[in-house]
C-alpha cells in the first residue's frame, strides 16, 4: 500500500520488545545488533535496516550516557547525512503512511531512534 504524496508519513517509535500492532504500519528495526531474547518470528519486522544505526565506534563512545546525548546526536546526524541506510529509510517513508522505527534500548528518551526520528522529520 503506497501513501498519498500530499502528506508525510507518520513516524512512530517503539521498543522491539513490545507486541506488534496493526497500527504500527511498516515496521523497521533500526539497531545494528539483533535484540537479545527476541526471535525473528516474534519481531514481526518488515525490514531490518542495520545501516541506519550509529556506527559501532560512535555507539561505543556514547554508551547511552545521557550527558553525551547532545554530542552523540550531532555526530549521529553527520553519519546519517552520508548514510545509504538513511536514503533507504526515506524511500520507505515515501511508500508508507505509517512507519514504526523499532529499537531495543531500555530508555525511551535516550536512544538513537529518537535522534533518527527527529532527523527524518527535519529532512
PDB file of N, CA and C in Angstrom:
ATOM      1  N   UNK A   1       0.844  -1.168   0.000  1.00  0.00           N
ATOM      2  CA  UNK A   1       0.000   0.000   0.000  1.00  0.00           C
ATOM      3  C   UNK A   1       0.897   1.241   0.000  1.00  0.00           C
ATOM      4  N   UNK A   2       0.763   2.071  -1.004  1.00  0.00           N
ATOM      5  CA  UNK A   2       1.546   3.302  -1.043  1.00  0.00           C
ATOM      6  C   UNK A   2       0.715   4.443  -0.496  1.00  0.00           C
ATOM      7  N   UNK A   3       1.391   5.432   0.004  1.00  0.00           N
ATOM      8  CA  UNK A   3       0.690   6.539   0.636  1.00  0.00           C
ATOM      9  C   UNK A   3       0.490   7.682  -0.339  1.00  0.00           C
ATOM     10  N   UNK A   4      -0.362   8.589   0.033  1.00  0.00           N
ATOM     11  CA  UNK A   4      -0.593   9.801  -0.731  1.00  0.00           C
ATOM     12  C   UNK A   4       0.655  10.675  -0.675  1.00  0.00           C
ATOM     13  N   UNK A   5       1.030  11.260  -1.777  1.00  0.00           N
ATOM     14  CA  UNK A   5       2.205  12.124  -1.815  1.00  0.00           C
ATOM     15  C   UNK A   5       1.949  13.469  -1.142  1.00  0.00           C
ATOM     16  N   UNK A   6       0.699  13.770  -0.791  1.00  0.00           N
ATOM     17  CA  UNK A   6       0.381  15.074  -0.216  1.00  0.00           C
ATOM     18  C   UNK A   6       0.647  15.157   1.284  1.00  0.00           C
ATOM     19  N   UNK A   7       0.788  14.046   1.966  1.00  0.00           N
ATOM     20  CA  UNK A   7       1.003  14.103   3.410  1.00  0.00           C
ATOM     21  C   UNK A   7       2.215  13.266   3.791  1.00  0.00           C
ATOM     22  N   UNK A   8       3.000  13.756   4.743  1.00  0.00           N
ATOM     23  CA  UNK A   8       4.186  12.995   5.155  1.00  0.00           C
ATOM     24  C   UNK A   8       3.798  11.758   5.953  1.00  0.00           C
ATOM     25  N   UNK A   9       4.668  10.789   5.922  1.00  0.00           N
ATOM     26  CA  UNK A   9       4.441   9.565   6.697  1.00  0.00           C
ATOM     27  C   UNK A   9       4.492   9.880   8.190  1.00  0.00           C
ATOM     28  N   UNK A  10       3.702   9.176   8.944  1.00  0.00           N
ATOM     29  CA  UNK A  10       3.787   9.251  10.398  1.00  0.00           C
ATOM     30  C   UNK A  10       4.931   8.338  10.816  1.00  0.00           C
ATOM     31  N   UNK A  11       5.845   8.865  11.611  1.00  0.00           N
ATOM     32  CA  UNK A  11       6.995   8.087  12.078  1.00  0.00           C
ATOM     33  C   UNK A  11       6.819   7.839  13.566  1.00  0.00           C
ATOM     34  N   UNK A  12       6.644   6.579  13.917  1.00  0.00           N
ATOM     35  CA  UNK A  12       6.462   6.185  15.314  1.00  0.00           C
ATOM     36  C   UNK A  12       7.728   5.518  15.832  1.00  0.00           C
ATOM     37  N   UNK A  13       7.877   5.523  17.136  1.00  0.00           N
ATOM     38  CA  UNK A  13       8.970   4.823  17.807  1.00  0.00           C
ATOM     39  C   UNK A  13       8.379   3.774  18.732  1.00  0.00           C
ATOM     40  N   UNK A  14       9.067   2.627  18.818  1.00  0.00           N
ATOM     41  CA  UNK A  14       8.556   1.557  19.673  1.00  0.00           C
ATOM     42  C   UNK A  14       9.698   0.609  20.020  1.00  0.00           C
ATOM     43  N   UNK A  15       9.699   0.145  21.262  1.00  0.00           N
ATOM     44  CA  UNK A  15      10.671  -0.877  21.643  1.00  0.00           C
ATOM     45  C   UNK A  15      10.309  -2.181  20.944  1.00  0.00           C
ATOM     46  N   UNK A  16      11.303  -2.875  20.461  1.00  0.00           N
ATOM     47  CA  UNK A  16      11.102  -4.140  19.767  1.00  0.00           C
ATOM     48  C   UNK A  16      10.450  -5.175  20.674  1.00  0.00           C
ATOM     49  N   UNK A  17      10.558  -5.001  21.977  1.00  0.00           N
ATOM     50  CA  UNK A  17      10.009  -5.967  22.930  1.00  0.00           C
ATOM     51  C   UNK A  17       8.508  -5.788  23.164  1.00  0.00           C
ATOM     52  N   UNK A  18       7.948  -4.712  22.647  1.00  0.00           N
ATOM     53  CA  UNK A  18       6.500  -4.518  22.733  1.00  0.00           C
ATOM     54  C   UNK A  18       5.834  -5.319  21.614  1.00  0.00           C
ATOM     55  N   UNK A  19       4.592  -5.735  21.839  1.00  0.00           N
ATOM     56  CA  UNK A  19       3.871  -6.511  20.834  1.00  0.00           C
ATOM     57  C   UNK A  19       3.631  -5.688  19.570  1.00  0.00           C
ATOM     58  N   UNK A  20       3.698  -6.380  18.438  1.00  0.00           N
ATOM     59  CA  UNK A  20       3.377  -5.747  17.159  1.00  0.00           C
ATOM     60  C   UNK A  20       1.875  -5.477  17.102  1.00  0.00           C
ATOM     61  N   UNK A  21       1.532  -4.354  16.479  1.00  0.00           N
ATOM     62  CA  UNK A  21       0.134  -3.985  16.310  1.00  0.00           C
ATOM     63  C   UNK A  21      -0.083  -3.542  14.868  1.00  0.00           C
ATOM     64  N   UNK A  22      -1.287  -3.695  14.395  1.00  0.00           N
ATOM     65  CA  UNK A  22      -1.603  -3.261  13.042  1.00  0.00           C
ATOM     66  C   UNK A  22      -1.319  -1.774  12.860  1.00  0.00           C
ATOM     67  N   UNK A  23      -1.558  -0.990  13.900  1.00  0.00           N
ATOM     68  CA  UNK A  23      -1.343   0.459  13.843  1.00  0.00           C
ATOM     69  C   UNK A  23       0.125   0.837  13.632  1.00  0.00           C
ATOM     70  N   UNK A  24       1.058  -0.124  13.828  1.00  0.00           N
ATOM     71  CA  UNK A  24       2.479   0.146  13.617  1.00  0.00           C
ATOM     72  C   UNK A  24       2.790   0.450  12.159  1.00  0.00           C
ATOM     73  N   UNK A  25       1.956  -0.015  11.261  1.00  0.00           N
ATOM     74  CA  UNK A  25       2.263   0.167   9.844  1.00  0.00           C
ATOM     75  C   UNK A  25       3.479  -0.656   9.456  1.00  0.00           C
ATOM     76  N   UNK A  26       4.390  -0.063   8.711  1.00  0.00           N
ATOM     77  CA  UNK A  26       5.603  -0.718   8.239  1.00  0.00           C
ATOM     78  C   UNK A  26       6.631  -0.700   9.362  1.00  0.00           C
ATOM     79  N   UNK A  27       7.088  -1.865   9.791  1.00  0.00           N
ATOM     80  CA  UNK A  27       7.965  -1.996  10.956  1.00  0.00           C
ATOM     81  C   UNK A  27       9.421  -2.159  10.531  1.00  0.00           C
ATOM     82  N   UNK A  28      10.271  -1.235  11.016  1.00  0.00           N
ATOM     83  CA  UNK A  28      11.685  -1.210  10.638  1.00  0.00           C
ATOM     84  C   UNK A  28      12.554  -1.281  11.892  1.00  0.00           C
ATOM     85  N   UNK A  29      13.357  -2.322  12.012  1.00  0.00           N
ATOM     86  CA  UNK A  29      14.334  -2.409  13.088  1.00  0.00           C
ATOM     87  C   UNK A  29      15.523  -1.542  12.701  1.00  0.00           C
ATOM     88  N   UNK A  30      15.879  -0.581  13.568  1.00  0.00           N
ATOM     89  CA  UNK A  30      16.939   0.367  13.249  1.00  0.00           C
ATOM     90  C   UNK A  30      18.171   0.176  14.147  1.00  0.00           C
ATOM     91  N   UNK A  31      18.331  -1.007  14.719  1.00  0.00           N
ATOM     92  CA  UNK A  31      19.509  -1.343  15.514  1.00  0.00           C
ATOM     93  C   UNK A  31      20.508  -2.117  14.663  1.00  0.00           C
ATOM     94  N   UNK A  32      21.780  -1.913  14.939  1.00  0.00           N
ATOM     95  CA  UNK A  32      22.833  -2.635  14.209  1.00  0.00           C
ATOM     96  C   UNK A  32      22.934  -4.087  14.680  1.00  0.00           C
ATOM     97  N   UNK A  33      22.651  -4.317  15.973  1.00  0.00           N
ATOM     98  CA  UNK A  33      22.718  -5.658  16.535  1.00  0.00           C
ATOM     99  C   UNK A  33      21.318  -6.204  16.757  1.00  0.00           C
ATOM    100  N   UNK A  34      21.167  -7.511  16.578  1.00  0.00           N
ATOM    101  CA  UNK A  34      19.857  -8.122  16.819  1.00  0.00           C
ATOM    102  C   UNK A  34      19.529  -8.049  18.310  1.00  0.00           C
ATOM    103  N   UNK A  35      18.305  -7.693  18.672  1.00  0.00           N
ATOM    104  CA  UNK A  35      17.920  -7.573  20.085  1.00  0.00           C
ATOM    105  C   UNK A  35      17.973  -8.911  20.826  1.00  0.00           C
ATOM    106  N   UNK A  36      18.558  -8.892  21.989  1.00  0.00           N
ATOM    107  CA  UNK A  36      18.677 -10.108  22.800  1.00  0.00           C
ATOM    108  C   UNK A  36      17.304 -10.646  23.181  1.00  0.00           C
ATOM    109  N   UNK A  37      17.168 -11.949  23.081  1.00  0.00           N
ATOM    110  CA  UNK A  37      15.958 -12.606  23.544  1.00  0.00           C
ATOM    111  C   UNK A  37      14.739 -12.444  22.655  1.00  0.00           C
ATOM    112  N   UNK A  38      14.894 -11.872  21.484  1.00  0.00           N
ATOM    113  CA  UNK A  38      13.756 -11.666  20.591  1.00  0.00           C
ATOM    114  C   UNK A  38      13.949 -12.540  19.351  1.00  0.00           C
ATOM    115  N   UNK A  39      12.978 -13.397  19.084  1.00  0.00           N
ATOM    116  CA  UNK A  39      13.093 -14.235  17.882  1.00  0.00           C
ATOM    117  C   UNK A  39      12.702 -13.417  16.659  1.00  0.00           C
ATOM    118  N   UNK A  40      13.239 -13.809  15.522  1.00  0.00           N
ATOM    119  CA  UNK A  40      12.910 -13.093  14.283  1.00  0.00           C
ATOM    120  C   UNK A  40      11.421 -13.222  13.961  1.00  0.00           C
ATOM    121  N   UNK A  41      10.849 -14.357  14.299  1.00  0.00           N
ATOM    122  CA  UNK A  41       9.420 -14.556  14.050  1.00  0.00           C
ATOM    123  C   UNK A  41       8.584 -13.595  14.907  1.00  0.00           C
ATOM    124  N   UNK A  42       8.915 -13.497  16.186  1.00  0.00           N
ATOM    125  CA  UNK A  42       8.162 -12.638  17.096  1.00  0.00           C
ATOM    126  C   UNK A  42       8.364 -11.149  16.825  1.00  0.00           C
ATOM    127  N   UNK A  43       9.447 -10.806  16.174  1.00  0.00           N
ATOM    128  CA  UNK A  43       9.738  -9.391  15.899  1.00  0.00           C
ATOM    129  C   UNK A  43       8.757  -8.789  14.897  1.00  0.00           C
ATOM    130  N   UNK A  44       8.189  -9.609  14.035  1.00  0.00           N
ATOM    131  CA  UNK A  44       7.214  -9.150  13.035  1.00  0.00           C
ATOM    132  C   UNK A  44       7.743  -7.949  12.255  1.00  0.00           C
ATOM    133  N   UNK A  45       8.962  -8.063  11.764  1.00  0.00           N
ATOM    134  CA  UNK A  45       9.598  -6.972  11.018  1.00  0.00           C
ATOM    135  C   UNK A  45       9.187  -6.980   9.560  1.00  0.00           C
ATOM    136  N   UNK A  46       9.187  -5.798   8.985  1.00  0.00           N
ATOM    137  CA  UNK A  46       9.105  -5.698   7.531  1.00  0.00           C
ATOM    138  C   UNK A  46      10.513  -5.603   6.948  1.00  0.00           C
ATOM    139  N   UNK A  47      11.406  -4.943   7.695  1.00  0.00           N
ATOM    140  CA  UNK A  47      12.792  -4.843   7.240  1.00  0.00           C
ATOM    141  C   UNK A  47      13.690  -4.525   8.444  1.00  0.00           C
ATOM    142  N   UNK A  48      14.930  -5.007   8.362  1.00  0.00           N
ATOM    143  CA  UNK A  48      15.964  -4.690   9.341  1.00  0.00           C
ATOM    144  C   UNK A  48      16.982  -3.824   8.621  1.00  0.00           C
ATOM    145  N   UNK A  49      17.071  -2.558   8.991  1.00  0.00           N
ATOM    146  CA  UNK A  49      17.981  -1.615   8.353  1.00  0.00           C
ATOM    147  C   UNK A  49      19.158  -1.320   9.279  1.00  0.00           C
ATOM    148  N   UNK A  50      20.110  -2.239   9.335  1.00  0.00           N
ATOM    149  CA  UNK A  50      21.290  -2.078  10.194  1.00  0.00           C
ATOM    150  C   UNK A  50      22.082  -0.828   9.825  1.00  0.00           C
ATOM    151  N   UNK A  51      22.090  -0.512   8.531  1.00  0.00           N
ATOM    152  CA  UNK A  51      22.921   0.566   8.010  1.00  0.00           C
ATOM    153  C   UNK A  51      22.530   1.942   8.531  1.00  0.00           C
ATOM    154  N   UNK A  52      21.321   2.075   9.067  1.00  0.00           N
ATOM    155  CA  UNK A  52      20.863   3.370   9.562  1.00  0.00           C
ATOM    156  C   UNK A  52      21.219   3.574  11.037  1.00  0.00           C
ATOM    157  N   UNK A  53      21.705   2.551  11.680  1.00  0.00           N
ATOM    158  CA  UNK A  53      22.107   2.639  13.087  1.00  0.00           C
ATOM    159  C   UNK A  53      23.444   3.375  13.204  1.00  0.00           C
ATOM    160  N   UNK A  54      23.741   3.905  14.381  1.00  0.00           N
ATOM    161  CA  UNK A  54      25.050   4.543  14.583  1.00  0.00           C
ATOM    162  C   UNK A  54      26.178   3.547  14.338  1.00  0.00           C
ATOM    163  N   UNK A  55      27.311   4.059  13.897  1.00  0.00           N
ATOM    164  CA  UNK A  55      28.471   3.194  13.679  1.00  0.00           C
ATOM    165  C   UNK A  55      28.865   2.541  15.007  1.00  0.00           C
ATOM    166  N   UNK A  56      29.529   1.387  14.931  1.00  0.00           N
ATOM    167  CA  UNK A  56      29.977   0.740  16.170  1.00  0.00           C
ATOM    168  C   UNK A  56      30.872   1.647  17.017  1.00  0.00           C
ATOM    169  N   UNK A  57      31.722   2.437  16.370  1.00  0.00           N
ATOM    170  CA  UNK A  57      32.613   3.336  17.105  1.00  0.00           C
ATOM    171  C   UNK A  57      31.811   4.398  17.856  1.00  0.00           C
ATOM    172  N   UNK A  58      30.827   4.995  17.188  1.00  0.00           N
ATOM    173  CA  UNK A  58      30.010   6.025  17.824  1.00  0.00           C
ATOM    174  C   UNK A  58      29.177   5.427  18.954  1.00  0.00           C
ATOM    175  N   UNK A  59      28.630   4.270  18.716  1.00  0.00           N
ATOM    176  CA  UNK A  59      27.811   3.609  19.739  1.00  0.00           C
ATOM    177  C   UNK A  59      28.642   3.316  20.995  1.00  0.00           C
ATOM    178  N   UNK A  60      29.866   2.810  20.795  1.00  0.00           N
ATOM    179  CA  UNK A  60      30.730   2.519  21.941  1.00  0.00           C
ATOM    180  C   UNK A  60      31.130   3.808  22.678  1.00  0.00           C
ATOM    181  N   UNK A  61      31.442   4.870  21.914  1.00  0.00           N
ATOM    182  CA  UNK A  61      31.819   6.145  22.537  1.00  0.00           C
ATOM    183  C   UNK A  61      30.668   6.676  23.391  1.00  0.00           C
ATOM    184  N   UNK A  62      29.467   6.657  22.851  1.00  0.00           N
ATOM    185  CA  UNK A  62      28.306   7.213  23.542  1.00  0.00           C
ATOM    186  C   UNK A  62      27.928   6.395  24.770  1.00  0.00           C
ATOM    187  N   UNK A  63      27.817   5.086  24.616  1.00  0.00           N
ATOM    188  CA  UNK A  63      27.482   4.160  25.693  1.00  0.00           C
ATOM    189  C   UNK A  63      26.191   4.554  26.425  1.00  0.00           C
ATOM    190  N   UNK A  64      25.257   5.154  25.704  1.00  0.00           N
ATOM    191  CA  UNK A  64      23.944   5.577  26.247  1.00  0.00           C
ATOM    192  C   UNK A  64      24.072   6.502  27.450  1.00  0.00           C
ATOM    193  N   UNK A  65      25.146   7.273  27.479  1.00  0.00           N
ATOM    194  CA  UNK A  65      25.380   8.225  28.568  1.00  0.00           C
ATOM    195  C   UNK A  65      24.531   9.474  28.321  1.00  0.00           C
ATOM    196  N   UNK A  66      23.559   9.762  29.185  1.00  0.00           N
ATOM    197  CA  UNK A  66      22.701  10.939  28.983  1.00  0.00           C
ATOM    198  C   UNK A  66      23.489  12.242  28.863  1.00  0.00           C
ATOM    199  N   UNK A  67      24.630  12.339  29.534  1.00  0.00           N
ATOM    200  CA  UNK A  67      25.444  13.551  29.463  1.00  0.00           C
ATOM    201  C   UNK A  67      26.091  13.744  28.093  1.00  0.00           C
ATOM    202  N   UNK A  68      26.164  12.693  27.309  1.00  0.00           N
ATOM    203  CA  UNK A  68      26.755  12.771  25.971  1.00  0.00           C
ATOM    204  C   UNK A  68      25.695  12.824  24.863  1.00  0.00           C
ATOM    205  N   UNK A  69      24.428  12.896  25.242  1.00  0.00           N
ATOM    206  CA  UNK A  69      23.349  12.799  24.251  1.00  0.00           C
ATOM    207  C   UNK A  69      23.441  13.879  23.177  1.00  0.00           C
ATOM    208  N   UNK A  70      23.676  15.129  23.557  1.00  0.00           N
ATOM    209  CA  UNK A  70      23.727  16.201  22.558  1.00  0.00           C
ATOM    210  C   UNK A  70      24.873  15.997  21.571  1.00  0.00           C
ATOM    211  N   UNK A  71      26.038  15.659  22.091  1.00  0.00           N
ATOM    212  CA  UNK A  71      27.193  15.412  21.218  1.00  0.00           C
ATOM    213  C   UNK A  71      26.954  14.171  20.364  1.00  0.00           C
ATOM    214  N   UNK A  72      26.379  13.135  20.961  1.00  0.00           N
ATOM    215  CA  UNK A  72      26.046  11.930  20.197  1.00  0.00           C
ATOM    216  C   UNK A  72      25.106  12.277  19.046  1.00  0.00           C
ATOM    217  N   UNK A  73      24.061  13.047  19.344  1.00  0.00           N
ATOM    218  CA  UNK A  73      23.075  13.399  18.324  1.00  0.00           C
ATOM    219  C   UNK A  73      23.730  14.144  17.161  1.00  0.00           C
ATOM    220  N   UNK A  74      24.624  15.069  17.455  1.00  0.00           N
ATOM    221  CA  UNK A  74      25.315  15.822  16.400  1.00  0.00           C
ATOM    222  C   UNK A  74      26.177  14.888  15.545  1.00  0.00           C
ATOM    223  N   UNK A  75      26.913  14.000  16.191  1.00  0.00           N
ATOM    224  CA  UNK A  75      27.771  13.060  15.449  1.00  0.00           C
ATOM    225  C   UNK A  75      26.939  12.069  14.637  1.00  0.00           C
ATOM    226  N   UNK A  76      25.850  11.610  15.219  1.00  0.00           N
ATOM    227  CA  UNK A  76      24.978  10.651  14.529  1.00  0.00           C
ATOM    228  C   UNK A  76      24.333  11.300  13.309  1.00  0.00           C
ATOM    229  N   UNK A  77      23.888  12.543  13.434  1.00  0.00           N
ATOM    230  CA  UNK A  77      23.304  13.242  12.276  1.00  0.00           C
ATOM    231  C   UNK A  77      24.329  13.362  11.151  1.00  0.00           C
ATOM    232  N   UNK A  78      25.596  13.590  11.496  1.00  0.00           N
ATOM    233  CA  UNK A  78      26.650  13.636  10.470  1.00  0.00           C
ATOM    234  C   UNK A  78      26.761  12.292   9.760  1.00  0.00           C
ATOM    235  N   UNK A  79      26.722  11.219  10.532  1.00  0.00           N
ATOM    236  CA  UNK A  79      26.754   9.889   9.911  1.00  0.00           C
ATOM    237  C   UNK A  79      25.544   9.684   9.002  1.00  0.00           C
ATOM    238  N   UNK A  80      24.386  10.108   9.468  1.00  0.00           N
ATOM    239  CA  UNK A  80      23.164   9.928   8.672  1.00  0.00           C
ATOM    240  C   UNK A  80      23.215  10.701   7.363  1.00  0.00           C
ATOM    241  N   UNK A  81      23.860  11.861   7.363  1.00  0.00           N
ATOM    242  CA  UNK A  81      23.973  12.652   6.140  1.00  0.00           C
ATOM    243  C   UNK A  81      24.675  11.881   5.027  1.00  0.00           C
ATOM    244  N   UNK A  82      25.524  10.940   5.400  1.00  0.00           N
ATOM    245  CA  UNK A  82      26.301  10.167   4.425  1.00  0.00           C
ATOM    246  C   UNK A  82      25.852   8.706   4.343  1.00  0.00           C
ATOM    247  N   UNK A  83      24.742   8.386   4.969  1.00  0.00           N
ATOM    248  CA  UNK A  83      24.315   7.001   5.110  1.00  0.00           C
ATOM    249  C   UNK A  83      23.396   6.532   3.984  1.00  0.00           C
ATOM    250  N   UNK A  84      23.732   5.383   3.422  1.00  0.00           N
ATOM    251  CA  UNK A  84      22.828   4.753   2.457  1.00  0.00           C
ATOM    252  C   UNK A  84      21.575   4.250   3.165  1.00  0.00           C
ATOM    253  N   UNK A  85      21.716   3.896   4.428  1.00  0.00           N
ATOM    254  CA  UNK A  85      20.571   3.447   5.213  1.00  0.00           C
ATOM    255  C   UNK A  85      19.531   4.538   5.372  1.00  0.00           C
ATOM    256  N   UNK A  86      19.988   5.778   5.578  1.00  0.00           N
ATOM    257  CA  UNK A  86      19.055   6.901   5.715  1.00  0.00           C
ATOM    258  C   UNK A  86      18.308   7.120   4.404  1.00  0.00           C
ATOM    259  N   UNK A  87      19.006   6.974   3.286  1.00  0.00           N
ATOM    260  CA  UNK A  87      18.350   7.112   1.985  1.00  0.00           C
ATOM    261  C   UNK A  87      17.314   6.008   1.790  1.00  0.00           C
ATOM    262  N   UNK A  88      17.640   4.803   2.195  1.00  0.00           N
ATOM    263  CA  UNK A  88      16.693   3.689   2.086  1.00  0.00           C
ATOM    264  C   UNK A  88      15.469   3.940   2.971  1.00  0.00           C
ATOM    265  N   UNK A  89      15.703   4.485   4.143  1.00  0.00           N
ATOM    266  CA  UNK A  89      14.591   4.779   5.057  1.00  0.00           C
ATOM    267  C   UNK A  89      13.695   5.874   4.486  1.00  0.00           C
ATOM    268  N   UNK A  90      14.273   6.877   3.852  1.00  0.00           N
ATOM    269  CA  UNK A  90      13.457   7.906   3.201  1.00  0.00           C
ATOM    270  C   UNK A  90      12.578   7.306   2.108  1.00  0.00           C
ATOM    271  N   UNK A  91      13.095   6.345   1.378  1.00  0.00           N
ATOM    272  CA  UNK A  91      12.294   5.661   0.355  1.00  0.00           C
ATOM    273  C   UNK A  91      11.131   4.913   0.984  1.00  0.00           C
ATOM    274  N   UNK A  92      11.385   4.271   2.108  1.00  0.00           N
ATOM    275  CA  UNK A  92      10.318   3.560   2.823  1.00  0.00           C
ATOM    276  C   UNK A  92       9.248   4.555   3.275  1.00  0.00           C
ATOM    277  N   UNK A  93       9.672   5.700   3.791  1.00  0.00           N
ATOM    278  CA  UNK A  93       8.721   6.724   4.236  1.00  0.00           C
ATOM    279  C   UNK A  93       7.865   7.235   3.079  1.00  0.00           C
ATOM    280  N   UNK A  94       8.433   7.267   1.890  1.00  0.00           N
ATOM    281  CA  UNK A  94       7.683   7.726   0.725  1.00  0.00           C
ATOM    282  C   UNK A  94       6.622   6.717   0.290  1.00  0.00           C
ATOM    283  N   UNK A  95       6.790   5.464   0.694  1.00  0.00           N
ATOM    284  CA  UNK A  95       5.891   4.396   0.262  1.00  0.00           C
ATOM    285  C   UNK A  95       4.791   4.049   1.265  1.00  0.00           C
ATOM    286  N   UNK A  96       4.956   4.459   2.515  1.00  0.00           N
ATOM    287  CA  UNK A  96       4.030   4.018   3.568  1.00  0.00           C
ATOM    288  C   UNK A  96       3.509   5.208   4.375  1.00  0.00           C
ATOM    289  N   UNK A  97       2.263   5.107   4.796  1.00  0.00           N
ATOM    290  CA  UNK A  97       1.671   6.202   5.569  1.00  0.00           C
ATOM    291  C   UNK A  97       2.120   6.190   7.028  1.00  0.00           C
ATOM    292  N   UNK A  98       2.417   5.023   7.556  1.00  0.00           N
ATOM    293  CA  UNK A  98       2.902   4.898   8.932  1.00  0.00           C
ATOM    294  C   UNK A  98       4.111   3.972   8.944  1.00  0.00           C
ATOM    295  N   UNK A  99       5.181   4.448   9.557  1.00  0.00           N
ATOM    296  CA  UNK A  99       6.396   3.660   9.698  1.00  0.00           C
ATOM    297  C   UNK A  99       6.785   3.689  11.175  1.00  0.00           C
ATOM    298  N   UNK A 100       7.013   2.519  11.736  1.00  0.00           N
ATOM    299  CA  UNK A 100       7.439   2.424  13.129  1.00  0.00           C
ATOM    300  C   UNK A 100       8.899   2.000  13.170  1.00  0.00           C
ATOM    301  N   UNK A 101       9.716   2.855  13.803  1.00  0.00           N
ATOM    302  CA  UNK A 101      11.128   2.563  13.989  1.00  0.00           C
ATOM    303  C   UNK A 101      11.270   1.791  15.294  1.00  0.00           C
ATOM    304  N   UNK A 102      11.801   0.590  15.192  1.00  0.00           N
ATOM    305  CA  UNK A 102      11.930  -0.299  16.341  1.00  0.00           C
ATOM    306  C   UNK A 102      13.370  -0.285  16.852  1.00  0.00           C
ATOM    307  N   UNK A 103      13.497  -0.262  18.167  1.00  0.00           N
ATOM    308  CA  UNK A 103      14.810  -0.228  18.805  1.00  0.00           C
ATOM    309  C   UNK A 103      14.767  -1.077  20.064  1.00  0.00           C
ATOM    310  N   UNK A 104      15.938  -1.471  20.563  1.00  0.00           N
ATOM    311  CA  UNK A 104      15.993  -2.342  21.738  1.00  0.00           C
ATOM    312  C   UNK A 104      16.348  -1.610  23.029  1.00  0.00           C
ATOM    313  N   UNK A 105      16.825  -0.395  22.937  1.00  0.00           N
ATOM    314  CA  UNK A 105      17.260   0.330  24.141  1.00  0.00           C
ATOM    315  C   UNK A 105      16.151   0.396  25.186  1.00  0.00           C
ATOM    316  N   UNK A 106      16.551   0.353  26.441  1.00  0.00           N
ATOM    317  CA  UNK A 106      15.574   0.402  27.538  1.00  0.00           C
ATOM    318  C   UNK A 106      14.984   1.794  27.721  1.00  0.00           C
ATOM    319  N   UNK A 107      15.819   2.803  27.565  1.00  0.00           N
ATOM    320  CA  UNK A 107      15.382   4.181  27.782  1.00  0.00           C
ATOM    321  C   UNK A 107      14.633   4.679  26.547  1.00  0.00           C
ATOM    322  N   UNK A 108      13.405   5.089  26.740  1.00  0.00           N
ATOM    323  CA  UNK A 108      12.565   5.517  25.619  1.00  0.00           C
ATOM    324  C   UNK A 108      12.883   6.935  25.147  1.00  0.00           C
ATOM    325  N   UNK A 109      13.707   7.662  25.894  1.00  0.00           N
ATOM    326  CA  UNK A 109      14.046   9.031  25.505  1.00  0.00           C
ATOM    327  C   UNK A 109      15.515   9.193  25.141  1.00  0.00           C
ATOM    328  N   UNK A 110      16.372   8.398  25.736  1.00  0.00           N
ATOM    329  CA  UNK A 110      17.813   8.478  25.477  1.00  0.00           C
ATOM    330  C   UNK A 110      18.194   7.270  24.629  1.00  0.00           C
ATOM    331  N   UNK A 111      17.983   7.398  23.317  1.00  0.00           N
ATOM    332  CA  UNK A 111      18.359   6.334  22.385  1.00  0.00           C
ATOM    333  C   UNK A 111      18.499   6.904  20.984  1.00  0.00           C
ATOM    334  N   UNK A 112      19.139   6.168  20.120  1.00  0.00           N
ATOM    335  CA  UNK A 112      19.417   6.670  18.773  1.00  0.00           C
ATOM    336  C   UNK A 112      18.159   6.797  17.918  1.00  0.00           C
ATOM    337  N   UNK A 113      17.133   6.008  18.193  1.00  0.00           N
ATOM    338  CA  UNK A 113      15.914   6.078  17.389  1.00  0.00           C
ATOM    339  C   UNK A 113      15.225   7.432  17.542  1.00  0.00           C
ATOM    340  N   UNK A 114      15.329   8.032  18.720  1.00  0.00           N
ATOM    341  CA  UNK A 114      14.769   9.374  18.940  1.00  0.00           C
ATOM    342  C   UNK A 114      15.470  10.378  18.022  1.00  0.00           C
ATOM    343  N   UNK A 115      16.783  10.307  17.960  1.00  0.00           N
ATOM    344  CA  UNK A 115      17.558  11.192  17.094  1.00  0.00           C
ATOM    345  C   UNK A 115      17.220  10.923  15.630  1.00  0.00           C
ATOM    346  N   UNK A 116      17.127   9.659  15.273  1.00  0.00           N
ATOM    347  CA  UNK A 116      16.809   9.283  13.898  1.00  0.00           C
ATOM    348  C   UNK A 116      15.449   9.839  13.474  1.00  0.00           C
ATOM    349  N   UNK A 117      14.450   9.698  14.331  1.00  0.00           N
ATOM    350  CA  UNK A 117      13.105  10.218  14.016  1.00  0.00           C
ATOM    351  C   UNK A 117      13.169  11.731  13.815  1.00  0.00           C
ATOM    352  N   UNK A 118      13.847  12.458  14.706  1.00  0.00           N
ATOM    353  CA  UNK A 118      13.970  13.906  14.570  1.00  0.00           C
ATOM    354  C   UNK A 118      14.678  14.263  13.263  1.00  0.00           C
ATOM    355  N   UNK A 119      15.703  13.516  12.924  1.00  0.00           N
ATOM    356  CA  UNK A 119      16.445  13.732  11.681  1.00  0.00           C
ATOM    357  C   UNK A 119      15.530  13.564  10.469  1.00  0.00           C
ATOM    358  N   UNK A 120      14.743  12.495  10.462  1.00  0.00           N
ATOM    359  CA  UNK A 120      13.866  12.224   9.320  1.00  0.00           C
ATOM    360  C   UNK A 120      12.755  13.263   9.198  1.00  0.00           C
ATOM    361  N   UNK A 121      12.229  13.717  10.310  1.00  0.00           N
ATOM    362  CA  UNK A 121      11.180  14.735  10.263  1.00  0.00           C
ATOM    363  C   UNK A 121      11.737  16.041   9.716  1.00  0.00           C
ATOM    364  N   UNK A 122      12.994  16.323  10.045  1.00  0.00           N
ATOM    365  CA  UNK A 122      13.616  17.558   9.593  1.00  0.00           C
ATOM    366  C   UNK A 122      14.059  17.562   8.140  1.00  0.00           C
ATOM    367  N   UNK A 123      14.122  16.377   7.531  1.00  0.00           N
ATOM    368  CA  UNK A 123      14.595  16.281   6.134  1.00  0.00           C
ATOM    369  C   UNK A 123      13.559  16.770   5.153  1.00  0.00           C
TER     370      UNK A 123
END
